[in-house]
Amino acid sequence: MSTLFQALMNIGPLDVYLLIAALVFAEDALFIGFILPGETAAILGGVLAGQQHVQLWLVAMLVVTAAVVGDTVGYLVGRHFGPRILSIRMLARHQPKLDTARSLLARRGGQAVLLGRFTAFFRAVMPALAGFSSMPFRRFLAYNAAGGLVWGTAAVLLGFFAGQAYLAVARTIGHNITLAIILVIAVVVLWRVIKHRRHDREESKVSG
């Protein structure tokens, strides 16, 4: 994330807008969420807005629009190429999660589209699964638009307030110390995430 942030800080606002919108769009339309979650791009857009590099309202509008349009493309891809999409090696490696997503979709319908927006894996596959399951497009679009609006706005605002907080702290204790504190926090969070995933894998092996 820090590498992407530095790259975004070194390019002009127009290119930032285009790149963030493209990453959010491609997460669901092209399944790149497995590589770089669109949430990361949305939050970084908010951080850049907090540092006055881009306009907050424009970033939020682009993120929400890209999220809704990207999901719509993912839905159409699932509707026309469903079986082929599910056989892609990148997805086949996550069969248990796919089964969970399909089960959630069968039980909750449109609500699964909205709720799936807030989980990285579900966000990347739920639109295609909705199309594959022949969910009516109008129903999908209503929940897709609601999820995109809430998720996109929340992600950008989270980044914005984080950027504002960073500037406030940096003015007090300096940028270097602030960055060091953030790095320590990031390492701790990463360690906990890796530990949690290892625990989940061990439990799945035992249950399997």
N, C-alpha and C. Protein backbone atom coordinates (compact mmCIF):
# COMPACT_ATOMS: atom_id res chain seq x y z
N MET A 1 0.83 -1.20 0.00
CA MET A 1 0.00 0.00 0.00
C MET A 1 0.86 1.25 0.00
N SER A 2 1.95 1.24 0.78
CA SER A 2 2.82 2.42 0.85
C SER A 2 3.44 2.73 -0.50
N THR A 3 3.81 1.68 -1.27
CA THR A 3 4.39 1.88 -2.60
C THR A 3 3.38 2.54 -3.52
N LEU A 4 2.13 2.04 -3.50
CA LEU A 4 1.08 2.63 -4.32
C LEU A 4 0.81 4.07 -3.90
N PHE A 5 0.83 4.32 -2.60
CA PHE A 5 0.58 5.68 -2.10
C PHE A 5 1.64 6.64 -2.61
N GLN A 6 2.91 6.25 -2.54
CA GLN A 6 3.98 7.11 -3.02
C GLN A 6 3.85 7.36 -4.51
N ALA A 7 3.44 6.31 -5.26
CA ALA A 7 3.26 6.48 -6.70
C ALA A 7 2.15 7.48 -7.00
N LEU A 8 1.05 7.39 -6.25
CA LEU A 8 -0.07 8.30 -6.45
C LEU A 8 0.30 9.74 -6.08
N MET A 9 1.13 9.90 -5.04
CA MET A 9 1.54 11.23 -4.62
C MET A 9 2.43 11.91 -5.66
N ASN A 10 3.09 11.11 -6.49
CA ASN A 10 4.04 11.64 -7.45
C ASN A 10 3.43 11.90 -8.83
N ILE A 11 2.13 11.68 -8.98
CA ILE A 11 1.49 11.95 -10.27
C ILE A 11 0.41 13.01 -10.07
N GLY A 12 -0.04 13.56 -11.18
CA GLY A 12 -1.01 14.64 -11.13
C GLY A 12 -2.39 14.17 -10.69
N PRO A 13 -3.22 15.10 -10.21
CA PRO A 13 -4.57 14.76 -9.74
C PRO A 13 -5.41 14.01 -10.77
N LEU A 14 -5.36 14.42 -12.04
CA LEU A 14 -6.16 13.76 -13.08
C LEU A 14 -5.79 12.28 -13.19
N ASP A 15 -4.50 12.00 -13.18
CA ASP A 15 -4.05 10.61 -13.26
C ASP A 15 -4.46 9.82 -12.02
N VAL A 16 -4.46 10.49 -10.86
CA VAL A 16 -4.90 9.83 -9.61
C VAL A 16 -6.36 9.42 -9.73
N TYR A 17 -7.20 10.35 -10.20
CA TYR A 17 -8.63 10.05 -10.36
C TYR A 17 -8.82 8.85 -11.28
N LEU A 18 -8.14 8.87 -12.41
CA LEU A 18 -8.30 7.80 -13.40
C LEU A 18 -7.83 6.46 -12.86
N LEU A 19 -6.68 6.46 -12.16
CA LEU A 19 -6.12 5.22 -11.65
C LEU A 19 -7.01 4.62 -10.56
N ILE A 20 -7.47 5.44 -9.63
CA ILE A 20 -8.32 4.95 -8.55
C ILE A 20 -9.62 4.39 -9.11
N ALA A 21 -10.24 5.12 -10.04
CA ALA A 21 -11.49 4.64 -10.65
C ALA A 21 -11.25 3.33 -11.40
N ALA A 22 -10.13 3.22 -12.10
CA ALA A 22 -9.84 2.01 -12.86
C ALA A 22 -9.64 0.81 -11.94
N LEU A 23 -8.95 1.00 -10.82
CA LEU A 23 -8.70 -0.10 -9.89
C LEU A 23 -9.99 -0.57 -9.23
N VAL A 24 -10.85 0.37 -8.84
CA VAL A 24 -12.12 0.00 -8.22
C VAL A 24 -13.01 -0.72 -9.23
N PHE A 25 -13.05 -0.20 -10.45
CA PHE A 25 -13.85 -0.84 -11.51
C PHE A 25 -13.37 -2.25 -11.81
N ALA A 26 -12.05 -2.40 -11.95
CA ALA A 26 -11.49 -3.69 -12.36
C ALA A 26 -11.58 -4.76 -11.28
N GLU A 27 -11.77 -4.36 -10.03
CA GLU A 27 -11.83 -5.34 -8.95
C GLU A 27 -12.92 -6.39 -9.21
N ASP A 28 -14.09 -5.95 -9.61
CA ASP A 28 -15.21 -6.86 -9.83
C ASP A 28 -15.37 -7.23 -11.30
N ALA A 29 -15.10 -6.26 -12.18
CA ALA A 29 -15.29 -6.52 -13.60
C ALA A 29 -14.25 -7.51 -14.14
N LEU A 30 -13.01 -7.40 -13.61
CA LEU A 30 -11.91 -8.24 -14.12
C LEU A 30 -11.30 -9.14 -13.04
N PHE A 31 -11.90 -9.16 -11.85
CA PHE A 31 -11.47 -10.02 -10.74
C PHE A 31 -10.07 -9.72 -10.23
N ILE A 32 -9.59 -8.47 -10.38
CA ILE A 32 -8.25 -8.18 -9.87
C ILE A 32 -8.28 -7.97 -8.36
N GLY A 33 -9.46 -8.08 -7.76
CA GLY A 33 -9.56 -7.96 -6.31
C GLY A 33 -8.73 -8.99 -5.58
N PHE A 34 -8.40 -10.10 -6.27
CA PHE A 34 -7.54 -11.12 -5.66
C PHE A 34 -6.11 -10.61 -5.54
N ILE A 35 -5.75 -9.62 -6.35
CA ILE A 35 -4.39 -9.08 -6.34
C ILE A 35 -4.33 -7.78 -5.55
N LEU A 36 -5.24 -6.87 -5.84
CA LEU A 36 -5.28 -5.58 -5.15
C LEU A 36 -6.74 -5.20 -4.91
N PRO A 37 -7.23 -5.34 -3.70
CA PRO A 37 -8.63 -4.98 -3.43
C PRO A 37 -8.92 -3.52 -3.78
N GLY A 38 -10.08 -3.28 -4.40
CA GLY A 38 -10.45 -1.92 -4.75
C GLY A 38 -10.58 -1.05 -3.52
N GLU A 39 -10.85 -1.66 -2.37
CA GLU A 39 -10.96 -0.92 -1.13
C GLU A 39 -9.66 -0.18 -0.82
N THR A 40 -8.53 -0.81 -1.15
CA THR A 40 -7.24 -0.17 -0.93
C THR A 40 -7.13 1.12 -1.73
N ALA A 41 -7.52 1.05 -3.00
CA ALA A 41 -7.46 2.24 -3.85
C ALA A 41 -8.41 3.32 -3.35
N ALA A 42 -9.61 2.92 -2.91
CA ALA A 42 -10.58 3.90 -2.41
C ALA A 42 -10.07 4.60 -1.16
N ILE A 43 -9.51 3.83 -0.24
CA ILE A 43 -8.99 4.41 1.00
C ILE A 43 -7.81 5.35 0.70
N LEU A 44 -6.94 4.93 -0.20
CA LEU A 44 -5.80 5.78 -0.55
C LEU A 44 -6.28 7.07 -1.21
N GLY A 45 -7.35 6.98 -2.00
CA GLY A 45 -7.92 8.19 -2.58
C GLY A 45 -8.38 9.14 -1.50
N GLY A 46 -8.99 8.59 -0.45
CA GLY A 46 -9.40 9.43 0.67
C GLY A 46 -8.22 10.04 1.40
N VAL A 47 -7.17 9.26 1.57
CA VAL A 47 -5.96 9.78 2.23
C VAL A 47 -5.38 10.95 1.43
N LEU A 48 -5.32 10.79 0.11
CA LEU A 48 -4.79 11.86 -0.75
C LEU A 48 -5.68 13.10 -0.67
N ALA A 49 -6.99 12.89 -0.55
CA ALA A 49 -7.89 14.03 -0.38
C ALA A 49 -7.64 14.72 0.96
N GLY A 50 -7.35 13.92 1.99
CA GLY A 50 -7.04 14.48 3.30
C GLY A 50 -5.78 15.30 3.30
N GLN A 51 -4.90 15.04 2.34
CA GLN A 51 -3.66 15.81 2.22
C GLN A 51 -3.74 16.85 1.11
N GLN A 52 -4.98 17.15 0.67
CA GLN A 52 -5.26 18.18 -0.34
C GLN A 52 -4.60 17.92 -1.70
N HIS A 53 -4.32 16.65 -1.99
CA HIS A 53 -3.74 16.33 -3.30
C HIS A 53 -4.84 16.19 -4.35
N VAL A 54 -6.03 15.75 -3.92
CA VAL A 54 -7.19 15.63 -4.81
C VAL A 54 -8.43 16.12 -4.07
N GLN A 55 -9.54 16.26 -4.79
CA GLN A 55 -10.79 16.72 -4.20
C GLN A 55 -11.58 15.55 -3.62
N LEU A 56 -12.01 15.68 -2.35
CA LEU A 56 -12.72 14.60 -1.66
C LEU A 56 -14.01 14.22 -2.39
N TRP A 57 -14.83 15.20 -2.75
CA TRP A 57 -16.13 14.90 -3.36
C TRP A 57 -15.98 14.19 -4.68
N LEU A 58 -14.94 14.55 -5.44
CA LEU A 58 -14.74 13.95 -6.75
C LEU A 58 -14.23 12.51 -6.62
N VAL A 59 -13.33 12.29 -5.65
CA VAL A 59 -12.85 10.92 -5.41
C VAL A 59 -14.01 10.02 -5.00
N ALA A 60 -14.85 10.52 -4.08
CA ALA A 60 -15.99 9.72 -3.62
C ALA A 60 -16.94 9.40 -4.76
N MET A 61 -17.23 10.39 -5.59
CA MET A 61 -18.14 10.18 -6.71
C MET A 61 -17.58 9.15 -7.70
N LEU A 62 -16.29 9.26 -8.00
CA LEU A 62 -15.67 8.33 -8.93
C LEU A 62 -15.62 6.91 -8.37
N VAL A 63 -15.31 6.78 -7.08
CA VAL A 63 -15.25 5.45 -6.46
C VAL A 63 -16.62 4.78 -6.47
N VAL A 64 -17.65 5.52 -6.09
CA VAL A 64 -19.01 4.95 -6.07
C VAL A 64 -19.43 4.55 -7.48
N THR A 65 -19.20 5.43 -8.46
CA THR A 65 -19.58 5.14 -9.84
C THR A 65 -18.82 3.93 -10.38
N ALA A 66 -17.51 3.89 -10.14
CA ALA A 66 -16.70 2.78 -10.63
C ALA A 66 -17.11 1.46 -9.97
N ALA A 67 -17.47 1.53 -8.69
CA ALA A 67 -17.90 0.32 -7.98
C ALA A 67 -19.19 -0.23 -8.58
N VAL A 68 -20.16 0.65 -8.82
CA VAL A 68 -21.46 0.21 -9.36
C VAL A 68 -21.30 -0.30 -10.79
N VAL A 69 -20.56 0.43 -11.62
CA VAL A 69 -20.36 0.01 -13.01
C VAL A 69 -19.55 -1.28 -13.07
N GLY A 70 -18.50 -1.39 -12.23
CA GLY A 70 -17.69 -2.60 -12.22
C GLY A 70 -18.50 -3.82 -11.83
N ASP A 71 -19.34 -3.67 -10.82
CA ASP A 71 -20.20 -4.78 -10.40
C ASP A 71 -21.18 -5.17 -11.51
N THR A 72 -21.68 -4.16 -12.22
CA THR A 72 -22.62 -4.43 -13.30
C THR A 72 -21.96 -5.24 -14.41
N VAL A 73 -20.73 -4.87 -14.74
CA VAL A 73 -19.99 -5.64 -15.74
C VAL A 73 -19.74 -7.06 -15.24
N GLY A 74 -19.39 -7.19 -13.95
CA GLY A 74 -19.19 -8.52 -13.38
C GLY A 74 -20.45 -9.36 -13.45
N TYR A 75 -21.60 -8.73 -13.21
CA TYR A 75 -22.89 -9.42 -13.31
C TYR A 75 -23.11 -9.94 -14.73
N LEU A 76 -22.86 -9.09 -15.73
CA LEU A 76 -23.06 -9.48 -17.13
C LEU A 76 -22.10 -10.58 -17.54
N VAL A 77 -20.87 -10.51 -17.04
CA VAL A 77 -19.90 -11.57 -17.33
C VAL A 77 -20.38 -12.89 -16.75
N GLY A 78 -20.87 -12.86 -15.51
CA GLY A 78 -21.38 -14.08 -14.89
C GLY A 78 -22.60 -14.62 -15.60
N ARG A 79 -23.44 -13.73 -16.09
CA ARG A 79 -24.67 -14.16 -16.76
C ARG A 79 -24.38 -14.86 -18.08
N HIS A 80 -23.36 -14.39 -18.78
CA HIS A 80 -23.07 -14.94 -20.10
C HIS A 80 -21.98 -16.01 -20.10
N PHE A 81 -21.07 -15.96 -19.11
CA PHE A 81 -19.94 -16.90 -19.10
C PHE A 81 -19.79 -17.61 -17.76
N GLY A 82 -20.87 -17.74 -17.01
CA GLY A 82 -20.81 -18.28 -15.66
C GLY A 82 -19.98 -19.52 -15.47
N PRO A 83 -20.32 -20.62 -16.13
CA PRO A 83 -19.57 -21.87 -15.94
C PRO A 83 -18.08 -21.73 -16.27
N ARG A 84 -17.77 -20.97 -17.30
CA ARG A 84 -16.37 -20.78 -17.68
C ARG A 84 -15.63 -19.96 -16.62
N ILE A 85 -16.31 -18.95 -16.07
CA ILE A 85 -15.69 -18.12 -15.04
C ILE A 85 -15.34 -18.95 -13.82
N LEU A 86 -16.26 -19.82 -13.40
CA LEU A 86 -16.04 -20.60 -12.19
C LEU A 86 -14.93 -21.63 -12.37
N SER A 87 -14.58 -21.95 -13.61
CA SER A 87 -13.52 -22.93 -13.84
C SER A 87 -12.13 -22.29 -13.94
N ILE A 88 -12.07 -20.96 -13.86
CA ILE A 88 -10.77 -20.28 -13.89
C ILE A 88 -9.94 -20.74 -12.69
N ARG A 89 -8.66 -21.01 -12.92
CA ARG A 89 -7.80 -21.54 -11.86
C ARG A 89 -7.75 -20.61 -10.65
N MET A 90 -7.74 -19.30 -10.89
CA MET A 90 -7.68 -18.33 -9.81
C MET A 90 -8.87 -18.48 -8.86
N LEU A 91 -10.04 -18.80 -9.42
CA LEU A 91 -11.23 -19.00 -8.60
C LEU A 91 -11.30 -20.41 -8.04
N ALA A 92 -10.87 -21.38 -8.82
CA ALA A 92 -10.95 -22.78 -8.40
C ALA A 92 -10.16 -23.03 -7.12
N ARG A 93 -9.11 -22.23 -6.89
CA ARG A 93 -8.30 -22.41 -5.68
C ARG A 93 -9.07 -22.00 -4.43
N HIS A 94 -10.16 -21.27 -4.62
CA HIS A 94 -10.94 -20.76 -3.48
C HIS A 94 -12.33 -21.40 -3.43
N GLN A 95 -12.40 -22.68 -3.77
CA GLN A 95 -13.69 -23.35 -3.87
C GLN A 95 -14.52 -23.26 -2.59
N PRO A 96 -13.93 -23.47 -1.38
CA PRO A 96 -14.74 -23.34 -0.16
C PRO A 96 -15.38 -21.96 -0.01
N LYS A 97 -14.63 -20.91 -0.31
CA LYS A 97 -15.18 -19.56 -0.22
C LYS A 97 -16.25 -19.33 -1.28
N LEU A 98 -16.04 -19.91 -2.47
CA LEU A 98 -17.05 -19.80 -3.52
C LEU A 98 -18.34 -20.47 -3.10
N ASP A 99 -18.21 -21.62 -2.48
CA ASP A 99 -19.40 -22.33 -1.99
C ASP A 99 -20.13 -21.50 -0.95
N THR A 100 -19.37 -20.85 -0.06
CA THR A 100 -19.98 -19.99 0.95
C THR A 100 -20.70 -18.82 0.31
N ALA A 101 -20.08 -18.21 -0.71
CA ALA A 101 -20.69 -17.08 -1.41
C ALA A 101 -21.97 -17.51 -2.11
N ARG A 102 -21.96 -18.66 -2.76
CA ARG A 102 -23.15 -19.14 -3.46
C ARG A 102 -24.25 -19.49 -2.47
N SER A 103 -23.88 -20.02 -1.33
CA SER A 103 -24.87 -20.34 -0.30
C SER A 103 -25.51 -19.06 0.23
N LEU A 104 -24.68 -18.04 0.48
CA LEU A 104 -25.20 -16.76 0.96
C LEU A 104 -26.15 -16.15 -0.07
N LEU A 105 -25.78 -16.24 -1.34
CA LEU A 105 -26.61 -15.68 -2.40
C LEU A 105 -27.94 -16.41 -2.49
N ALA A 106 -27.91 -17.74 -2.33
CA ALA A 106 -29.14 -18.52 -2.39
C ALA A 106 -30.07 -18.20 -1.23
N ARG A 107 -29.49 -17.92 -0.06
CA ARG A 107 -30.31 -17.66 1.13
C ARG A 107 -30.78 -16.21 1.21
N ARG A 108 -29.92 -15.26 0.81
CA ARG A 108 -30.24 -13.85 1.05
C ARG A 108 -30.58 -13.08 -0.23
N GLY A 109 -30.33 -13.65 -1.39
CA GLY A 109 -30.66 -12.97 -2.63
C GLY A 109 -29.95 -11.64 -2.78
N GLY A 110 -30.72 -10.57 -3.07
CA GLY A 110 -30.13 -9.26 -3.28
C GLY A 110 -29.35 -8.74 -2.08
N GLN A 111 -29.77 -9.12 -0.89
CA GLN A 111 -29.04 -8.68 0.30
C GLN A 111 -27.60 -9.19 0.29
N ALA A 112 -27.38 -10.35 -0.31
CA ALA A 112 -26.02 -10.90 -0.39
C ALA A 112 -25.14 -10.02 -1.27
N VAL A 113 -25.73 -9.42 -2.30
CA VAL A 113 -24.98 -8.51 -3.16
C VAL A 113 -24.54 -7.29 -2.36
N LEU A 114 -25.44 -6.76 -1.55
CA LEU A 114 -25.12 -5.59 -0.73
C LEU A 114 -24.09 -5.94 0.35
N LEU A 115 -24.35 -7.02 1.08
CA LEU A 115 -23.45 -7.42 2.16
C LEU A 115 -22.08 -7.85 1.63
N GLY A 116 -22.08 -8.51 0.46
CA GLY A 116 -20.82 -8.97 -0.13
C GLY A 116 -19.88 -7.84 -0.47
N ARG A 117 -20.41 -6.65 -0.67
CA ARG A 117 -19.59 -5.49 -0.99
C ARG A 117 -18.58 -5.18 0.11
N PHE A 118 -18.82 -5.64 1.34
CA PHE A 118 -17.97 -5.28 2.47
C PHE A 118 -16.97 -6.38 2.83
N THR A 119 -16.86 -7.41 2.00
CA THR A 119 -15.86 -8.47 2.19
C THR A 119 -15.08 -8.62 0.90
N ALA A 120 -13.75 -8.58 0.97
CA ALA A 120 -12.91 -8.52 -0.23
C ALA A 120 -13.22 -9.64 -1.22
N PHE A 121 -13.25 -10.89 -0.75
CA PHE A 121 -13.47 -12.00 -1.69
C PHE A 121 -14.87 -11.93 -2.29
N PHE A 122 -15.89 -11.74 -1.43
CA PHE A 122 -17.26 -11.67 -1.92
C PHE A 122 -17.44 -10.50 -2.88
N ARG A 123 -16.77 -9.40 -2.60
CA ARG A 123 -16.88 -8.22 -3.46
C ARG A 123 -16.40 -8.53 -4.87
N ALA A 124 -15.40 -9.38 -4.98
CA ALA A 124 -14.83 -9.70 -6.29
C ALA A 124 -15.66 -10.71 -7.07
N VAL A 125 -16.39 -11.60 -6.38
CA VAL A 125 -17.08 -12.69 -7.08
C VAL A 125 -18.61 -12.60 -7.04
N MET A 126 -19.17 -11.88 -6.07
CA MET A 126 -20.62 -11.89 -5.90
C MET A 126 -21.38 -11.38 -7.11
N PRO A 127 -20.91 -10.32 -7.79
CA PRO A 127 -21.65 -9.87 -8.97
C PRO A 127 -21.73 -10.96 -10.05
N ALA A 128 -20.61 -11.64 -10.32
CA ALA A 128 -20.62 -12.70 -11.33
C ALA A 128 -21.51 -13.85 -10.90
N LEU A 129 -21.49 -14.19 -9.61
CA LEU A 129 -22.35 -15.27 -9.12
C LEU A 129 -23.82 -14.88 -9.22
N ALA A 130 -24.13 -13.60 -8.99
CA ALA A 130 -25.51 -13.14 -9.13
C ALA A 130 -25.97 -13.25 -10.57
N GLY A 131 -25.10 -12.90 -11.50
CA GLY A 131 -25.45 -13.06 -12.92
C GLY A 131 -25.60 -14.51 -13.31
N PHE A 132 -24.73 -15.35 -12.80
CA PHE A 132 -24.76 -16.78 -13.09
C PHE A 132 -26.03 -17.43 -12.55
N SER A 133 -26.52 -16.92 -11.42
CA SER A 133 -27.73 -17.48 -10.80
C SER A 133 -29.01 -16.92 -11.40
N SER A 134 -28.86 -16.07 -12.42
CA SER A 134 -30.01 -15.48 -13.13
C SER A 134 -30.85 -14.57 -12.23
N MET A 135 -30.22 -13.88 -11.30
CA MET A 135 -30.94 -12.88 -10.52
C MET A 135 -31.43 -11.79 -11.46
N PRO A 136 -32.68 -11.35 -11.35
CA PRO A 136 -33.18 -10.27 -12.21
C PRO A 136 -32.28 -9.05 -12.13
N PHE A 137 -31.99 -8.46 -13.29
CA PHE A 137 -31.03 -7.35 -13.33
C PHE A 137 -31.47 -6.16 -12.49
N ARG A 138 -32.76 -5.83 -12.53
CA ARG A 138 -33.23 -4.68 -11.75
C ARG A 138 -33.02 -4.90 -10.25
N ARG A 139 -33.26 -6.11 -9.81
CA ARG A 139 -33.05 -6.43 -8.39
C ARG A 139 -31.57 -6.31 -8.05
N PHE A 140 -30.73 -6.86 -8.91
CA PHE A 140 -29.28 -6.77 -8.69
C PHE A 140 -28.83 -5.32 -8.66
N LEU A 141 -29.31 -4.53 -9.62
CA LEU A 141 -28.86 -3.15 -9.73
C LEU A 141 -29.23 -2.33 -8.50
N ALA A 142 -30.42 -2.57 -7.95
CA ALA A 142 -30.85 -1.81 -6.76
C ALA A 142 -29.92 -2.08 -5.59
N TYR A 143 -29.63 -3.35 -5.32
CA TYR A 143 -28.75 -3.68 -4.19
C TYR A 143 -27.30 -3.32 -4.50
N ASN A 144 -26.91 -3.44 -5.76
CA ASN A 144 -25.56 -3.08 -6.17
C ASN A 144 -25.32 -1.58 -5.96
N ALA A 145 -26.31 -0.75 -6.37
CA ALA A 145 -26.17 0.70 -6.21
C ALA A 145 -26.12 1.09 -4.74
N ALA A 146 -26.96 0.46 -3.93
CA ALA A 146 -26.96 0.76 -2.48
C ALA A 146 -25.63 0.38 -1.85
N GLY A 147 -25.15 -0.81 -2.17
CA GLY A 147 -23.87 -1.27 -1.62
C GLY A 147 -22.71 -0.41 -2.08
N GLY A 148 -22.70 -0.05 -3.37
CA GLY A 148 -21.62 0.78 -3.89
C GLY A 148 -21.59 2.15 -3.26
N LEU A 149 -22.79 2.73 -3.03
CA LEU A 149 -22.87 4.06 -2.42
C LEU A 149 -22.35 4.04 -0.98
N VAL A 150 -22.83 3.08 -0.19
CA VAL A 150 -22.43 3.02 1.22
C VAL A 150 -20.95 2.66 1.34
N TRP A 151 -20.53 1.62 0.62
CA TRP A 151 -19.14 1.16 0.72
C TRP A 151 -18.16 2.21 0.20
N GLY A 152 -18.45 2.74 -0.99
CA GLY A 152 -17.53 3.71 -1.59
C GLY A 152 -17.36 4.95 -0.74
N THR A 153 -18.48 5.49 -0.26
CA THR A 153 -18.42 6.69 0.57
C THR A 153 -17.67 6.42 1.87
N ALA A 154 -17.97 5.29 2.50
CA ALA A 154 -17.32 4.95 3.77
C ALA A 154 -15.81 4.76 3.60
N ALA A 155 -15.40 4.06 2.53
CA ALA A 155 -13.98 3.79 2.31
C ALA A 155 -13.21 5.09 2.07
N VAL A 156 -13.77 5.97 1.25
CA VAL A 156 -13.09 7.24 0.96
C VAL A 156 -13.02 8.11 2.21
N LEU A 157 -14.11 8.19 2.96
CA LEU A 157 -14.10 9.00 4.19
C LEU A 157 -13.13 8.44 5.22
N LEU A 158 -13.04 7.11 5.30
CA LEU A 158 -12.07 6.50 6.21
C LEU A 158 -10.65 6.95 5.87
N GLY A 159 -10.32 6.91 4.59
CA GLY A 159 -9.00 7.36 4.16
C GLY A 159 -8.81 8.85 4.40
N PHE A 160 -9.87 9.62 4.15
CA PHE A 160 -9.79 11.08 4.34
C PHE A 160 -9.46 11.43 5.79
N PHE A 161 -10.21 10.84 6.73
CA PHE A 161 -9.98 11.16 8.13
C PHE A 161 -8.63 10.61 8.61
N ALA A 162 -8.21 9.48 8.04
CA ALA A 162 -6.88 8.95 8.37
C ALA A 162 -5.80 9.91 7.90
N GLY A 163 -5.98 10.46 6.69
CA GLY A 163 -5.02 11.43 6.18
C GLY A 163 -4.98 12.70 7.01
N GLN A 164 -6.16 13.17 7.45
CA GLN A 164 -6.23 14.34 8.31
C GLN A 164 -5.52 14.09 9.64
N ALA A 165 -5.77 12.90 10.20
CA ALA A 165 -5.15 12.55 11.49
C ALA A 165 -3.63 12.47 11.35
N TYR A 166 -3.17 11.92 10.22
CA TYR A 166 -1.73 11.82 9.99
C TYR A 166 -1.09 13.21 9.99
N LEU A 167 -1.72 14.15 9.26
CA LEU A 167 -1.16 15.49 9.19
C LEU A 167 -1.12 16.15 10.57
N ALA A 168 -2.19 15.95 11.35
CA ALA A 168 -2.24 16.55 12.68
C ALA A 168 -1.14 16.01 13.58
N VAL A 169 -0.94 14.68 13.54
CA VAL A 169 0.10 14.06 14.37
C VAL A 169 1.48 14.46 13.88
N ALA A 170 1.65 14.47 12.54
CA ALA A 170 2.96 14.79 11.97
C ALA A 170 3.39 16.21 12.33
N ARG A 171 2.44 17.13 12.39
CA ARG A 171 2.79 18.51 12.76
C ARG A 171 3.30 18.58 14.20
N THR A 172 2.85 17.64 15.04
CA THR A 172 3.22 17.66 16.45
C THR A 172 4.53 16.94 16.72
N ILE A 173 4.68 15.74 16.18
CA ILE A 173 5.86 14.93 16.51
C ILE A 173 6.79 14.70 15.33
N GLY A 174 6.41 15.19 14.16
CA GLY A 174 7.28 15.04 12.99
C GLY A 174 6.87 13.88 12.11
N HIS A 175 7.18 14.01 10.82
CA HIS A 175 6.78 12.98 9.84
C HIS A 175 7.50 11.66 10.07
N ASN A 176 8.79 11.71 10.38
CA ASN A 176 9.56 10.48 10.53
C ASN A 176 9.04 9.61 11.69
N ILE A 177 8.78 10.25 12.82
CA ILE A 177 8.27 9.50 13.97
C ILE A 177 6.87 8.96 13.67
N THR A 178 6.05 9.77 13.01
CA THR A 178 4.70 9.34 12.65
C THR A 178 4.74 8.12 11.73
N LEU A 179 5.61 8.18 10.73
CA LEU A 179 5.75 7.04 9.81
C LEU A 179 6.24 5.79 10.54
N ALA A 180 7.15 5.98 11.50
CA ALA A 180 7.65 4.84 12.26
C ALA A 180 6.54 4.18 13.07
N ILE A 181 5.69 5.01 13.68
CA ILE A 181 4.56 4.48 14.45
C ILE A 181 3.60 3.72 13.55
N ILE A 182 3.31 4.30 12.38
CA ILE A 182 2.41 3.63 11.43
C ILE A 182 2.99 2.31 10.98
N LEU A 183 4.30 2.27 10.75
CA LEU A 183 4.95 1.04 10.32
C LEU A 183 4.84 -0.05 11.37
N VAL A 184 5.05 0.31 12.63
CA VAL A 184 4.92 -0.66 13.72
C VAL A 184 3.50 -1.20 13.79
N ILE A 185 2.53 -0.30 13.69
CA ILE A 185 1.12 -0.72 13.73
C ILE A 185 0.81 -1.66 12.56
N ALA A 186 1.32 -1.31 11.37
CA ALA A 186 1.07 -2.13 10.18
C ALA A 186 1.66 -3.53 10.35
N VAL A 187 2.86 -3.62 10.92
CA VAL A 187 3.50 -4.92 11.14
C VAL A 187 2.68 -5.76 12.10
N VAL A 188 2.21 -5.14 13.19
CA VAL A 188 1.40 -5.87 14.18
C VAL A 188 0.10 -6.38 13.55
N VAL A 189 -0.55 -5.51 12.77
CA VAL A 189 -1.80 -5.92 12.11
C VAL A 189 -1.55 -7.05 11.12
N LEU A 190 -0.47 -6.92 10.33
CA LEU A 190 -0.14 -7.96 9.36
C LEU A 190 0.14 -9.28 10.05
N TRP A 191 0.86 -9.24 11.16
CA TRP A 191 1.17 -10.46 11.92
C TRP A 191 -0.11 -11.12 12.42
N ARG A 192 -1.06 -10.31 12.90
CA ARG A 192 -2.32 -10.87 13.40
C ARG A 192 -3.14 -11.47 12.28
N VAL A 193 -3.13 -10.82 11.10
CA VAL A 193 -3.87 -11.35 9.96
C VAL A 193 -3.29 -12.69 9.51
N ILE A 194 -1.94 -12.77 9.43
CA ILE A 194 -1.29 -14.02 9.02
C ILE A 194 -1.58 -15.12 10.04
N LYS A 195 -1.52 -14.77 11.32
CA LYS A 195 -1.79 -15.74 12.38
C LYS A 195 -3.23 -16.24 12.29
N HIS A 196 -4.16 -15.34 12.02
CA HIS A 196 -5.58 -15.71 11.91
C HIS A 196 -5.80 -16.64 10.72
N ARG A 197 -5.15 -16.33 9.58
CA ARG A 197 -5.32 -17.17 8.39
C ARG A 197 -4.73 -18.56 8.59
N ARG A 198 -3.59 -18.63 9.28
CA ARG A 198 -3.00 -19.94 9.57
C ARG A 198 -3.93 -20.76 10.46
N HIS A 199 -4.55 -20.09 11.42
CA HIS A 199 -5.50 -20.77 12.31
C HIS A 199 -6.69 -21.30 11.53
N ASP A 200 -7.19 -20.49 10.58
CA ASP A 200 -8.33 -20.91 9.76
C ASP A 200 -7.96 -22.11 8.89
N ARG A 201 -6.73 -22.09 8.32
CA ARG A 201 -6.30 -23.21 7.48
C ARG A 201 -6.18 -24.49 8.29
N GLU A 202 -5.64 -24.36 9.50
CA GLU A 202 -5.51 -25.55 10.35
C GLU A 202 -6.87 -26.11 10.72
N GLU A 203 -7.83 -25.22 11.01
CA GLU A 203 -9.17 -25.69 11.35
C GLU A 203 -9.85 -26.36 10.16
N SER A 204 -9.63 -25.80 8.95
CA SER A 204 -10.24 -26.39 7.77
C SER A 204 -9.65 -27.75 7.45
N LYS A 205 -8.35 -27.94 7.74
CA LYS A 205 -7.71 -29.24 7.54
C LYS A 205 -8.29 -30.27 8.50
N VAL A 206 -8.49 -29.84 9.74
CA VAL A 206 -9.02 -30.75 10.75
C VAL A 206 -10.46 -31.15 10.40
N SER A 207 -11.27 -30.14 10.01
CA SER A 207 -12.68 -30.43 9.69
C SER A 207 -12.80 -31.22 8.40
N GLY A 208 -11.80 -31.03 7.49
CA GLY A 208 -11.84 -31.77 6.22
C GLY A 208 -11.36 -33.18 6.38
